[in-house]
Amino acid sequence: MKSIGIDLGTANTLVYLKGKGIVLREPSVVAVDQRGKNVVAVGNEAKLMLGKTPGSITAMRPLKNGVIAEFDATAAMLRHFFKKVSGNTIMSRPKVIICIPYGVTEVEKRAVEDVTLEAGAQSVALIEEPVAAAIGSGLRVEDARGSMIVDIGGGTTEVAVLSLGGIVLSTSLRVAGDELDDAISSYIKRKYNILIGDVTAETLKKRIGSVHPSFDKGVMEIRGRNLLNGLPAVINVTSAEIRESMADEIRNIIDSIRTTLENTPPELSSDIYDSGIVLSGGGALLPGLDLLVSRITGIRTVVAKHPLDCVAIGIGRVIESMGELSDVVSFRTR
C-alpha cells in the first residue's frame, strides 16, 4: 500500500510519495463543464483556462483561504492526482497524510478528511500546516526549544511558535499570495483604469515584486482592458508601484508576526531570539521580506532552503519516520 503526503494548497497542490519524494506539483485548479457537471481539466491544463473559458465551462480554484469551498471539485482534483501518482487499480488506494491550516473548525477538518476518502484514499490523517512547514524547514520541532515558522501560502499566512512537537501559539491570517495578487489588480485598476486578470497580477508579483527599494527589478509591460473605452491596452508597470500596491497586506503579515512574538512565553522568546525566524511558502520568495521582518522584529530572519516545498517535505519526513513522529498524526479509515 502506498503512503502519500499531500500539501493541499489554495494555489498549488504537492504530492509526496514514500521513498520517492515530491512526485507531483500542480496548480489547485479544476475546469468543470456546467452542462454535464463533469470535470474537463485539472491542474496545469485547467490553470491555462483561467479567465479564458466559454460560458459552459468554469475554471475555478476549489479551495479558498486554505479550506474547501467546492467539495466535488476538490474530490475530483484529488482523484486525478491519486491516479497520476499511484495508478488506477483498487490495490493502489493510498494511505494519506494531508495538511490543514492551524485553527480551522472541526467541520472544516471533517470536510478535508471526507474529501480525501471520497477521492479514493484508504485512510487519512491530518497534520497542521505550520508543523509540517517547520519540519520541512529543518527545525527540530520535537525539542524542548522554541522555534518560529512563518508560512506564507496562497490563501493563508500561518505564524507559529513550536516546542516539544506541537504548536504553543499560532496566528492564522487570511492574507497571503492571493490577497497580494488582488491588491495589485486593484491598484492597476484604480491608477490606470485598466482591468488585468489574476494570472497577470501573479506574474507581476513574481517578476518585479519586492518589499524594499533596494530589491526593485525595473519595469514590466502588461496588457489589460481599458475600462473607459473597453479596448485592449498596454502599459508599463514599475517595481515601486507593485511594492506600493502590496504595502497594506505586507504590513498585516508583519503585524501578525509581531503580535505572536508579543504573546510568546518569555522562555520561548529567548529561544526564538537565538534561533531566529524561518520564512516558508511562496510568499517567502518576495525579495527583501526576510530583511524587512528582521529589521522590524530585531530577530534574525531567514528564508527556508526550499520555501515552496517545505510543507510537502515536512509531511514526507513524517511518512518516512512514522516511529519518531507518529504522535503528530492519527489516521481515520473509511
C-alpha atoms as a PDB file:
ATOM      1  CA  MET A   1       0.000   0.000   0.000  1.00  0.00           C
ATOM      2  CA  LYS A   2       1.371   3.391  -0.953  1.00  0.00           C
ATOM      3  CA  SER A   3       1.773   6.145   1.649  1.00  0.00           C
ATOM      4  CA  ILE A   4       1.478   9.642   0.246  1.00  0.00           C
ATOM      5  CA  GLY A   5       1.585  13.132   1.684  1.00  0.00           C
ATOM      6  CA  ILE A   6      -0.455  15.997   0.256  1.00  0.00           C
ATOM      7  CA  ASP A   7       0.177  19.703   0.632  1.00  0.00           C
ATOM      8  CA  LEU A   8      -3.347  20.768  -0.361  1.00  0.00           C
ATOM      9  CA  GLY A   9      -2.782  24.447  -1.020  1.00  0.00           C
ATOM     10  CA  THR A  10      -5.112  27.193  -2.196  1.00  0.00           C
ATOM     11  CA  ALA A  11      -2.772  27.928  -5.126  1.00  0.00           C
ATOM     12  CA  ASN A  12      -0.849  24.662  -5.652  1.00  0.00           C
ATOM     13  CA  THR A  13      -1.044  21.019  -4.603  1.00  0.00           C
ATOM     14  CA  LEU A  14       2.122  18.984  -3.996  1.00  0.00           C
ATOM     15  CA  VAL A  15       2.192  15.215  -3.566  1.00  0.00           C
ATOM     16  CA  TYR A  16       4.960  13.350  -1.727  1.00  0.00           C
ATOM     17  CA  LEU A  17       5.297   9.593  -2.372  1.00  0.00           C
ATOM     18  CA  LYS A  18       7.024   7.458   0.256  1.00  0.00           C
ATOM     19  CA  GLY A  19      10.520   6.519  -0.890  1.00  0.00           C
ATOM     20  CA  LYS A  20      10.401   8.810  -3.927  1.00  0.00           C
ATOM     21  CA  GLY A  21       9.974  12.371  -2.626  1.00  0.00           C
ATOM     22  CA  ILE A  22       7.812  15.044  -4.270  1.00  0.00           C
ATOM     23  CA  VAL A  23       6.351  13.453  -7.400  1.00  0.00           C
ATOM     24  CA  LEU A  24       3.655  15.964  -8.347  1.00  0.00           C
ATOM     25  CA  ARG A  25       3.369  19.738  -8.235  1.00  0.00           C
ATOM     26  CA  GLU A  26       0.331  21.257  -9.957  1.00  0.00           C
ATOM     27  CA  PRO A  27      -1.981  24.273  -9.557  1.00  0.00           C
ATOM     28  CA  SER A  28      -5.102  23.659  -7.422  1.00  0.00           C
ATOM     29  CA  VAL A  29      -7.406  24.446 -10.334  1.00  0.00           C
ATOM     30  CA  VAL A  30     -10.317  22.477 -11.807  1.00  0.00           C
ATOM     31  CA  ALA A  31     -12.278  23.185 -15.013  1.00  0.00           C
ATOM     32  CA  VAL A  32     -15.891  21.970 -14.942  1.00  0.00           C
ATOM     33  CA  ASP A  33     -18.393  21.707 -17.804  1.00  0.00           C
ATOM     34  CA  GLN A  34     -21.553  23.228 -16.322  1.00  0.00           C
ATOM     35  CA  ARG A  35     -23.837  21.320 -18.713  1.00  0.00           C
ATOM     36  CA  GLY A  36     -22.942  17.846 -17.522  1.00  0.00           C
ATOM     37  CA  LYS A  37     -21.124  18.890 -14.339  1.00  0.00           C
ATOM     38  CA  ASN A  38     -18.181  16.769 -15.476  1.00  0.00           C
ATOM     39  CA  VAL A  39     -14.533  17.741 -14.939  1.00  0.00           C
ATOM     40  CA  VAL A  40     -12.775  18.614 -18.211  1.00  0.00           C
ATOM     41  CA  ALA A  41      -9.317  19.573 -16.892  1.00  0.00           C
ATOM     42  CA  VAL A  42      -7.275  19.561 -13.666  1.00  0.00           C
ATOM     43  CA  GLY A  43      -4.024  21.192 -12.567  1.00  0.00           C
ATOM     44  CA  ASN A  44      -1.697  22.726 -15.171  1.00  0.00           C
ATOM     45  CA  GLU A  45      -4.170  22.213 -18.002  1.00  0.00           C
ATOM     46  CA  ALA A  46      -7.012  23.843 -16.043  1.00  0.00           C
ATOM     47  CA  LYS A  47      -4.871  26.830 -14.964  1.00  0.00           C
ATOM     48  CA  LEU A  48      -4.273  27.715 -18.626  1.00  0.00           C
ATOM     49  CA  MET A  49      -8.058  28.074 -18.927  1.00  0.00           C
ATOM     50  CA  LEU A  50      -8.451  30.615 -16.071  1.00  0.00           C
ATOM     51  CA  GLY A  51     -10.222  33.701 -17.413  1.00  0.00           C
ATOM     52  CA  LYS A  52     -10.442  32.215 -20.914  1.00  0.00           C
ATOM     53  CA  THR A  53     -13.300  29.704 -20.771  1.00  0.00           C
ATOM     54  CA  PRO A  54     -16.567  29.807 -22.762  1.00  0.00           C
ATOM     55  CA  GLY A  55     -19.828  30.219 -20.840  1.00  0.00           C
ATOM     56  CA  SER A  56     -20.396  26.478 -20.491  1.00  0.00           C
ATOM     57  CA  ILE A  57     -17.040  25.802 -18.765  1.00  0.00           C
ATOM     58  CA  THR A  58     -15.953  27.199 -15.397  1.00  0.00           C
ATOM     59  CA  ALA A  59     -12.277  27.126 -14.371  1.00  0.00           C
ATOM     60  CA  MET A  60     -12.029  27.525 -10.602  1.00  0.00           C
ATOM     61  CA  ARG A  61      -9.910  27.074  -7.540  1.00  0.00           C
ATOM     62  CA  PRO A  62     -11.888  24.690  -5.312  1.00  0.00           C
ATOM     63  CA  LEU A  63     -10.069  25.874  -2.166  1.00  0.00           C
ATOM     64  CA  LYS A  64     -10.391  29.325  -0.638  1.00  0.00           C
ATOM     65  CA  ASN A  65      -8.214  30.601   2.221  1.00  0.00           C
ATOM     66  CA  GLY A  66      -6.804  27.124   2.748  1.00  0.00           C
ATOM     67  CA  VAL A  67     -10.194  25.425   3.213  1.00  0.00           C
ATOM     68  CA  ILE A  68     -12.503  23.567   0.836  1.00  0.00           C
ATOM     69  CA  ALA A  69     -15.013  25.791  -0.941  1.00  0.00           C
ATOM     70  CA  GLU A  70     -16.136  23.273  -3.616  1.00  0.00           C
ATOM     71  CA  PHE A  71     -16.318  19.712  -2.245  1.00  0.00           C
ATOM     72  CA  ASP A  72     -16.989  17.806  -5.501  1.00  0.00           C
ATOM     73  CA  ALA A  73     -14.352  19.725  -7.468  1.00  0.00           C
ATOM     74  CA  THR A  74     -11.748  19.123  -4.724  1.00  0.00           C
ATOM     75  CA  ALA A  75     -12.587  15.384  -4.690  1.00  0.00           C
ATOM     76  CA  ALA A  76     -12.262  15.239  -8.495  1.00  0.00           C
ATOM     77  CA  MET A  77      -8.908  17.060  -8.319  1.00  0.00           C
ATOM     78  CA  LEU A  78      -7.517  14.718  -5.643  1.00  0.00           C
ATOM     79  CA  ARG A  79      -8.820  11.666  -7.539  1.00  0.00           C
ATOM     80  CA  HIS A  80      -6.968  12.889 -10.632  1.00  0.00           C
ATOM     81  CA  PHE A  81      -3.734  13.400  -8.643  1.00  0.00           C
ATOM     82  CA  PHE A  82      -4.029   9.972  -6.925  1.00  0.00           C
ATOM     83  CA  LYS A  83      -4.443   8.348 -10.345  1.00  0.00           C
ATOM     84  CA  LYS A  84      -1.376  10.195 -11.637  1.00  0.00           C
ATOM     85  CA  VAL A  85       0.921   9.106  -8.826  1.00  0.00           C
ATOM     86  CA  SER A  86      -0.337   5.636  -7.928  1.00  0.00           C
ATOM     87  CA  GLY A  87      -2.158   4.167 -10.930  1.00  0.00           C
ATOM     88  CA  ASN A  88      -5.805   3.203 -11.196  1.00  0.00           C
ATOM     89  CA  THR A  89      -6.168  -0.180  -9.511  1.00  0.00           C
ATOM     90  CA  ILE A  90      -8.210  -0.957  -6.396  1.00  0.00           C
ATOM     91  CA  MET A  91      -4.963  -2.159  -4.763  1.00  0.00           C
ATOM     92  CA  SER A  92      -3.451   1.297  -5.118  1.00  0.00           C
ATOM     93  CA  ARG A  93      -5.737   3.092  -2.666  1.00  0.00           C
ATOM     94  CA  PRO A  94      -3.189   5.164  -0.733  1.00  0.00           C
ATOM     95  CA  LYS A  95      -2.706   5.882   2.933  1.00  0.00           C
ATOM     96  CA  VAL A  96      -2.723   9.704   3.037  1.00  0.00           C
ATOM     97  CA  ILE A  97      -1.378  12.414   5.323  1.00  0.00           C
ATOM     98  CA  ILE A  98      -2.780  15.799   4.307  1.00  0.00           C
ATOM     99  CA  CYS A  99      -2.205  19.281   5.722  1.00  0.00           C
ATOM    100  CA  ILE A 100      -4.746  21.765   7.102  1.00  0.00           C
ATOM    101  CA  PRO A 101      -4.293  25.387   8.252  1.00  0.00           C
ATOM    102  CA  TYR A 102      -3.969  25.823  12.024  1.00  0.00           C
ATOM    103  CA  GLY A 103      -7.164  26.858  13.774  1.00  0.00           C
ATOM    104  CA  VAL A 104      -9.677  25.542  11.211  1.00  0.00           C
ATOM    105  CA  THR A 105     -13.026  24.381  12.620  1.00  0.00           C
ATOM    106  CA  GLU A 106     -13.974  20.751  13.257  1.00  0.00           C
ATOM    107  CA  VAL A 107     -16.381  20.988  10.313  1.00  0.00           C
ATOM    108  CA  GLU A 108     -13.547  22.145   8.020  1.00  0.00           C
ATOM    109  CA  LYS A 109     -11.275  19.343   9.302  1.00  0.00           C
ATOM    110  CA  ARG A 110     -14.016  16.794   8.663  1.00  0.00           C
ATOM    111  CA  ALA A 111     -14.512  18.159   5.127  1.00  0.00           C
ATOM    112  CA  VAL A 112     -10.804  17.589   4.331  1.00  0.00           C
ATOM    113  CA  GLU A 113     -10.977  14.022   5.703  1.00  0.00           C
ATOM    114  CA  ASP A 114     -14.213  13.271   3.824  1.00  0.00           C
ATOM    115  CA  VAL A 115     -12.976  14.690   0.519  1.00  0.00           C
ATOM    116  CA  THR A 116      -9.723  12.677   0.753  1.00  0.00           C
ATOM    117  CA  LEU A 117     -11.596   9.420   1.446  1.00  0.00           C
ATOM    118  CA  GLU A 118     -14.128  10.274  -1.288  1.00  0.00           C
ATOM    119  CA  ALA A 119     -11.221  10.694  -3.734  1.00  0.00           C
ATOM    120  CA  GLY A 120     -10.088   7.112  -3.072  1.00  0.00           C
ATOM    121  CA  ALA A 121      -7.789   7.141  -0.031  1.00  0.00           C
ATOM    122  CA  GLN A 122      -7.813   4.061   2.194  1.00  0.00           C
ATOM    123  CA  SER A 123      -7.124   6.134   5.307  1.00  0.00           C
ATOM    124  CA  VAL A 124      -6.392   9.780   6.054  1.00  0.00           C
ATOM    125  CA  ALA A 125      -4.527  11.695   8.755  1.00  0.00           C
ATOM    126  CA  LEU A 126      -4.364  15.454   9.196  1.00  0.00           C
ATOM    127  CA  ILE A 127      -1.263  17.475  10.015  1.00  0.00           C
ATOM    128  CA  GLU A 128      -1.271  21.174  10.819  1.00  0.00           C
ATOM    129  CA  GLU A 129       0.450  23.255   8.157  1.00  0.00           C
ATOM    130  CA  PRO A 130       2.838  25.140  10.499  1.00  0.00           C
ATOM    131  CA  VAL A 131       4.062  21.838  11.999  1.00  0.00           C
ATOM    132  CA  ALA A 132       4.694  20.351   8.536  1.00  0.00           C
ATOM    133  CA  ALA A 133       6.344  23.576   7.305  1.00  0.00           C
ATOM    134  CA  ALA A 134       8.617  23.684  10.378  1.00  0.00           C
ATOM    135  CA  ILE A 135       9.669  20.033   9.956  1.00  0.00           C
ATOM    136  CA  GLY A 136      10.266  20.619   6.240  1.00  0.00           C
ATOM    137  CA  SER A 137      12.336  23.731   7.002  1.00  0.00           C
ATOM    138  CA  GLY A 138      14.680  21.647   9.120  1.00  0.00           C
ATOM    139  CA  LEU A 139      13.511  22.943  12.507  1.00  0.00           C
ATOM    140  CA  ARG A 140      13.743  20.381  15.309  1.00  0.00           C
ATOM    141  CA  VAL A 141      10.127  20.721  16.435  1.00  0.00           C
ATOM    142  CA  GLU A 142      10.330  17.766  18.845  1.00  0.00           C
ATOM    143  CA  ASP A 143      12.961  19.512  21.012  1.00  0.00           C
ATOM    144  CA  ALA A 144      12.169  21.486  24.169  1.00  0.00           C
ATOM    145  CA  ARG A 145      13.287  24.656  22.401  1.00  0.00           C
ATOM    146  CA  GLY A 146      11.088  27.330  20.958  1.00  0.00           C
ATOM    147  CA  SER A 147      11.169  27.872  17.183  1.00  0.00           C
ATOM    148  CA  MET A 148       9.150  30.154  14.929  1.00  0.00           C
ATOM    149  CA  ILE A 149       7.858  29.500  11.421  1.00  0.00           C
ATOM    150  CA  VAL A 150       6.020  31.936   9.151  1.00  0.00           C
ATOM    151  CA  ASP A 151       4.418  30.044   6.256  1.00  0.00           C
ATOM    152  CA  ILE A 152       3.011  32.406   3.592  1.00  0.00           C
ATOM    153  CA  GLY A 153       0.951  30.356   1.152  1.00  0.00           C
ATOM    154  CA  GLY A 154      -1.661  31.216  -1.448  1.00  0.00           C
ATOM    155  CA  GLY A 155      -4.680  31.528   0.855  1.00  0.00           C
ATOM    156  CA  THR A 156      -3.298  31.805   4.396  1.00  0.00           C
ATOM    157  CA  THR A 157      -0.279  33.034   6.321  1.00  0.00           C
ATOM    158  CA  GLU A 158       0.500  30.831   9.310  1.00  0.00           C
ATOM    159  CA  VAL A 159       2.663  32.280  12.085  1.00  0.00           C
ATOM    160  CA  ALA A 160       3.516  29.680  14.717  1.00  0.00           C
ATOM    161  CA  VAL A 161       5.719  29.143  17.751  1.00  0.00           C
ATOM    162  CA  LEU A 162       6.531  25.455  18.252  1.00  0.00           C
ATOM    163  CA  SER A 163       8.059  23.396  21.040  1.00  0.00           C
ATOM    164  CA  LEU A 164       8.046  19.705  22.036  1.00  0.00           C
ATOM    165  CA  GLY A 165       6.401  18.617  18.773  1.00  0.00           C
ATOM    166  CA  GLY A 166       3.389  20.905  18.990  1.00  0.00           C
ATOM    167  CA  ILE A 167       2.131  24.422  18.434  1.00  0.00           C
ATOM    168  CA  VAL A 168       2.385  26.616  21.526  1.00  0.00           C
ATOM    169  CA  LEU A 169       0.969  29.725  19.882  1.00  0.00           C
ATOM    170  CA  SER A 170      -0.237  30.446  16.377  1.00  0.00           C
ATOM    171  CA  THR A 171      -1.898  33.116  14.279  1.00  0.00           C
ATOM    172  CA  SER A 172      -3.621  32.113  11.041  1.00  0.00           C
ATOM    173  CA  LEU A 173      -4.125  35.106   8.789  1.00  0.00           C
ATOM    174  CA  ARG A 174      -6.261  35.004   5.649  1.00  0.00           C
ATOM    175  CA  VAL A 175      -3.873  37.403   3.944  1.00  0.00           C
ATOM    176  CA  ALA A 176      -1.378  35.706   1.635  1.00  0.00           C
ATOM    177  CA  GLY A 177      -0.438  35.290  -2.028  1.00  0.00           C
ATOM    178  CA  ASP A 178      -3.984  35.604  -3.419  1.00  0.00           C
ATOM    179  CA  GLU A 179      -4.627  38.828  -1.486  1.00  0.00           C
ATOM    180  CA  LEU A 180      -1.333  40.256  -2.779  1.00  0.00           C
ATOM    181  CA  ASP A 181      -2.493  39.481  -6.346  1.00  0.00           C
ATOM    182  CA  ASP A 182      -5.870  41.126  -5.666  1.00  0.00           C
ATOM    183  CA  ALA A 183      -4.123  44.207  -4.252  1.00  0.00           C
ATOM    184  CA  ILE A 184      -2.009  44.508  -7.422  1.00  0.00           C
ATOM    185  CA  SER A 185      -5.121  44.192  -9.655  1.00  0.00           C
ATOM    186  CA  SER A 186      -6.996  46.812  -7.610  1.00  0.00           C
ATOM    187  CA  TYR A 187      -4.042  49.218  -7.746  1.00  0.00           C
ATOM    188  CA  ILE A 188      -3.732  48.945 -11.561  1.00  0.00           C
ATOM    189  CA  LYS A 189      -7.497  49.430 -11.911  1.00  0.00           C
ATOM    190  CA  ARG A 190      -7.504  52.460  -9.587  1.00  0.00           C
ATOM    191  CA  LYS A 191      -4.416  54.155 -11.036  1.00  0.00           C
ATOM    192  CA  TYR A 192      -4.712  53.348 -14.757  1.00  0.00           C
ATOM    193  CA  ASN A 193      -8.411  52.421 -15.238  1.00  0.00           C
ATOM    194  CA  ILE A 194      -7.168  49.121 -16.660  1.00  0.00           C
ATOM    195  CA  LEU A 195      -8.512  45.709 -15.729  1.00  0.00           C
ATOM    196  CA  ILE A 196      -5.985  42.854 -15.560  1.00  0.00           C
ATOM    197  CA  GLY A 197      -6.516  39.148 -14.876  1.00  0.00           C
ATOM    198  CA  ASP A 198      -5.344  37.128 -11.871  1.00  0.00           C
ATOM    199  CA  VAL A 199      -2.591  35.452 -13.902  1.00  0.00           C
ATOM    200  CA  THR A 200      -1.162  38.854 -14.965  1.00  0.00           C
ATOM    201  CA  ALA A 201      -1.246  40.118 -11.350  1.00  0.00           C
ATOM    202  CA  GLU A 202       0.576  36.990 -10.145  1.00  0.00           C
ATOM    203  CA  THR A 203       3.184  37.368 -12.907  1.00  0.00           C
ATOM    204  CA  LEU A 204       3.817  40.998 -11.883  1.00  0.00           C
ATOM    205  CA  LYS A 205       4.301  39.918  -8.261  1.00  0.00           C
ATOM    206  CA  LYS A 206       6.736  37.137  -9.182  1.00  0.00           C
ATOM    207  CA  ARG A 207       8.769  39.022 -11.776  1.00  0.00           C
ATOM    208  CA  ILE A 208       9.102  42.555 -10.383  1.00  0.00           C
ATOM    209  CA  GLY A 209       7.556  42.402  -6.899  1.00  0.00           C
ATOM    210  CA  SER A 210       9.630  43.347  -3.845  1.00  0.00           C
ATOM    211  CA  VAL A 211       9.109  44.796  -0.376  1.00  0.00           C
ATOM    212  CA  HIS A 212      12.157  47.088  -0.302  1.00  0.00           C
ATOM    213  CA  PRO A 213      13.505  49.639  -2.842  1.00  0.00           C
ATOM    214  CA  SER A 214      16.961  48.025  -2.861  1.00  0.00           C
ATOM    215  CA  PHE A 215      15.389  44.875  -4.396  1.00  0.00           C
ATOM    216  CA  ASP A 216      13.495  46.650  -7.189  1.00  0.00           C
ATOM    217  CA  LYS A 217      13.676  44.926 -10.576  1.00  0.00           C
ATOM    218  CA  GLY A 218      12.708  47.689 -13.000  1.00  0.00           C
ATOM    219  CA  VAL A 219       9.716  47.705 -15.349  1.00  0.00           C
ATOM    220  CA  MET A 220       7.352  45.161 -16.906  1.00  0.00           C
ATOM    221  CA  GLU A 221       4.966  45.613 -19.835  1.00  0.00           C
ATOM    222  CA  ILE A 222       1.453  44.250 -19.262  1.00  0.00           C
ATOM    223  CA  ARG A 223      -1.770  44.021 -21.226  1.00  0.00           C
ATOM    224  CA  GLY A 224      -5.304  44.517 -19.988  1.00  0.00           C
ATOM    225  CA  ARG A 225      -8.652  46.065 -20.855  1.00  0.00           C
ATOM    226  CA  ASN A 226      -9.220  49.825 -20.678  1.00  0.00           C
ATOM    227  CA  LEU A 227     -12.315  50.393 -18.522  1.00  0.00           C
ATOM    228  CA  LEU A 228     -13.044  53.783 -20.135  1.00  0.00           C
ATOM    229  CA  ASN A 229     -13.334  52.621 -23.752  1.00  0.00           C
ATOM    230  CA  GLY A 230     -13.408  48.811 -23.403  1.00  0.00           C
ATOM    231  CA  LEU A 231     -10.417  48.366 -25.716  1.00  0.00           C
ATOM    232  CA  PRO A 232      -7.223  46.328 -25.106  1.00  0.00           C
ATOM    233  CA  ALA A 233      -4.453  48.402 -23.519  1.00  0.00           C
ATOM    234  CA  VAL A 234      -0.697  48.093 -22.934  1.00  0.00           C
ATOM    235  CA  ILE A 235       1.100  49.824 -20.030  1.00  0.00           C
ATOM    236  CA  ASN A 236       4.470  49.675 -18.248  1.00  0.00           C
ATOM    237  CA  VAL A 237       4.414  49.000 -14.527  1.00  0.00           C
ATOM    238  CA  THR A 238       7.381  49.524 -12.174  1.00  0.00           C
ATOM    239  CA  SER A 239       8.635  47.555  -9.171  1.00  0.00           C
ATOM    240  CA  ALA A 240       7.966  50.611  -6.980  1.00  0.00           C
ATOM    241  CA  GLU A 241       4.287  50.532  -7.986  1.00  0.00           C
ATOM    242  CA  ILE A 242       3.971  46.831  -7.179  1.00  0.00           C
ATOM    243  CA  ARG A 243       5.628  47.428  -3.801  1.00  0.00           C
ATOM    244  CA  GLU A 244       3.201  50.282  -3.084  1.00  0.00           C
ATOM    245  CA  SER A 245       0.194  48.151  -4.107  1.00  0.00           C
ATOM    246  CA  MET A 246       1.150  45.342  -1.684  1.00  0.00           C
ATOM    247  CA  ALA A 247       2.128  47.579   1.254  1.00  0.00           C
ATOM    248  CA  ASP A 248      -1.038  47.112   3.372  1.00  0.00           C
ATOM    249  CA  GLU A 249      -1.044  43.305   3.036  1.00  0.00           C
ATOM    250  CA  ILE A 250       2.680  43.062   3.861  1.00  0.00           C
ATOM    251  CA  ARG A 251       2.054  45.282   6.901  1.00  0.00           C
ATOM    252  CA  ASN A 252      -0.736  42.919   8.050  1.00  0.00           C
ATOM    253  CA  ILE A 253       1.584  39.912   7.785  1.00  0.00           C
ATOM    254  CA  ILE A 254       4.352  41.652   9.755  1.00  0.00           C
ATOM    255  CA  ASP A 255       1.839  42.859  12.381  1.00  0.00           C
ATOM    256  CA  SER A 256       0.711  39.251  12.910  1.00  0.00           C
ATOM    257  CA  ILE A 257       4.364  38.196  13.412  1.00  0.00           C
ATOM    258  CA  ARG A 258       4.844  40.986  15.995  1.00  0.00           C
ATOM    259  CA  THR A 259       1.592  40.109  17.794  1.00  0.00           C
ATOM    260  CA  THR A 260       2.588  36.435  18.008  1.00  0.00           C
ATOM    261  CA  LEU A 261       6.026  37.377  19.367  1.00  0.00           C
ATOM    262  CA  GLU A 262       4.461  39.716  21.957  1.00  0.00           C
ATOM    263  CA  ASN A 263       2.269  36.859  23.244  1.00  0.00           C
ATOM    264  CA  THR A 264       5.047  34.248  23.322  1.00  0.00           C
ATOM    265  CA  PRO A 265       6.090  32.980  26.797  1.00  0.00           C
ATOM    266  CA  PRO A 266       9.455  34.515  27.867  1.00  0.00           C
ATOM    267  CA  GLU A 267      11.429  31.246  27.863  1.00  0.00           C
ATOM    268  CA  LEU A 268      10.390  30.505  24.285  1.00  0.00           C
ATOM    269  CA  SER A 269      11.020  34.151  23.254  1.00  0.00           C
ATOM    270  CA  SER A 270      14.610  33.706  24.368  1.00  0.00           C
ATOM    271  CA  ASP A 271      14.942  30.545  22.230  1.00  0.00           C
ATOM    272  CA  ILE A 272      13.476  32.312  19.178  1.00  0.00           C
ATOM    273  CA  TYR A 273      15.873  35.223  19.633  1.00  0.00           C
ATOM    274  CA  ASP A 274      18.740  32.701  19.485  1.00  0.00           C
ATOM    275  CA  SER A 275      17.411  30.508  16.656  1.00  0.00           C
ATOM    276  CA  GLY A 276      15.711  33.176  14.531  1.00  0.00           C
ATOM    277  CA  ILE A 277      12.521  33.240  12.453  1.00  0.00           C
ATOM    278  CA  VAL A 278      12.132  30.986   9.398  1.00  0.00           C
ATOM    279  CA  LEU A 279      10.011  32.057   6.392  1.00  0.00           C
ATOM    280  CA  SER A 280       8.445  29.411   4.128  1.00  0.00           C
ATOM    281  CA  GLY A 281       5.782  29.219   1.410  1.00  0.00           C
ATOM    282  CA  GLY A 282       5.641  31.106  -1.876  1.00  0.00           C
ATOM    283  CA  GLY A 283       5.390  34.473  -0.120  1.00  0.00           C
ATOM    284  CA  ALA A 284       8.842  33.914   1.416  1.00  0.00           C
ATOM    285  CA  LEU A 285      10.274  34.398  -2.097  1.00  0.00           C
ATOM    286  CA  LEU A 286       9.274  38.088  -2.163  1.00  0.00           C
ATOM    287  CA  PRO A 287      12.648  39.849  -2.394  1.00  0.00           C
ATOM    288  CA  GLY A 288      13.557  41.697   0.804  1.00  0.00           C
ATOM    289  CA  LEU A 289      10.839  40.217   3.025  1.00  0.00           C
ATOM    290  CA  ASP A 290      13.333  38.446   5.307  1.00  0.00           C
ATOM    291  CA  LEU A 291      15.289  41.694   5.817  1.00  0.00           C
ATOM    292  CA  LEU A 292      12.104  43.676   6.496  1.00  0.00           C
ATOM    293  CA  VAL A 293      10.894  41.172   9.125  1.00  0.00           C
ATOM    294  CA  SER A 294      14.361  41.119  10.692  1.00  0.00           C
ATOM    295  CA  ARG A 295      14.554  44.927  10.822  1.00  0.00           C
ATOM    296  CA  ILE A 296      11.096  45.342  12.385  1.00  0.00           C
ATOM    297  CA  THR A 297      11.329  42.493  14.936  1.00  0.00           C
ATOM    298  CA  GLY A 298      15.036  42.731  15.710  1.00  0.00           C
ATOM    299  CA  ILE A 299      15.313  38.949  15.241  1.00  0.00           C
ATOM    300  CA  ARG A 300      17.449  37.246  12.598  1.00  0.00           C
ATOM    301  CA  THR A 301      15.119  36.036   9.832  1.00  0.00           C
ATOM    302  CA  VAL A 302      15.968  33.520   7.123  1.00  0.00           C
ATOM    303  CA  VAL A 303      14.145  32.022   4.147  1.00  0.00           C
ATOM    304  CA  ALA A 304      13.871  28.218   4.255  1.00  0.00           C
ATOM    305  CA  LYS A 305      16.051  26.299   1.801  1.00  0.00           C
ATOM    306  CA  HIS A 306      13.108  25.178  -0.388  1.00  0.00           C
ATOM    307  CA  PRO A 307      10.277  27.517   0.680  1.00  0.00           C
ATOM    308  CA  LEU A 308       7.693  26.267  -1.847  1.00  0.00           C
ATOM    309  CA  ASP A 309       8.251  22.637  -0.823  1.00  0.00           C
ATOM    310  CA  CYS A 310       8.545  22.914   2.985  1.00  0.00           C
ATOM    311  CA  VAL A 311       5.058  21.613   3.825  1.00  0.00           C
ATOM    312  CA  ALA A 312       5.325  18.657   1.415  1.00  0.00           C
ATOM    313  CA  ILE A 313       8.860  17.847   2.619  1.00  0.00           C
ATOM    314  CA  GLY A 314       7.650  18.036   6.225  1.00  0.00           C
ATOM    315  CA  ILE A 315       4.761  15.641   5.571  1.00  0.00           C
ATOM    316  CA  GLY A 316       7.251  13.395   3.745  1.00  0.00           C
ATOM    317  CA  ARG A 317       9.533  13.277   6.775  1.00  0.00           C
ATOM    318  CA  VAL A 318       6.583  12.254   8.945  1.00  0.00           C
ATOM    319  CA  ILE A 319       5.741   9.460   6.452  1.00  0.00           C
ATOM    320  CA  GLU A 320       9.363   8.248   6.261  1.00  0.00           C
ATOM    321  CA  SER A 321       9.842   8.213  10.050  1.00  0.00           C
ATOM    322  CA  MET A 322       6.429   7.354  11.478  1.00  0.00           C
ATOM    323  CA  GLY A 323       8.095   5.781  14.503  1.00  0.00           C
ATOM    324  CA  GLU A 324       9.705   9.015  15.659  1.00  0.00           C
ATOM    325  CA  LEU A 325       6.953  11.444  14.625  1.00  0.00           C
ATOM    326  CA  SER A 326       3.853   9.252  14.909  1.00  0.00           C
ATOM    327  CA  ASP A 327       2.387  11.454  17.664  1.00  0.00           C
ATOM    328  CA  VAL A 328       1.847  14.395  15.278  1.00  0.00           C
ATOM    329  CA  VAL A 329      -0.819  12.491  13.263  1.00  0.00           C
ATOM    330  CA  SER A 330      -3.598   9.949  13.774  1.00  0.00           C
ATOM    331  CA  PHE A 331      -5.340   8.117  10.928  1.00  0.00           C
ATOM    332  CA  ARG A 332      -9.040   7.855  10.148  1.00  0.00           C
ATOM    333  CA  THR A 333     -10.101   4.914   7.961  1.00  0.00           C
ATOM    334  CA  ARG A 334     -13.187   4.711   5.787  1.00  0.00           C
END
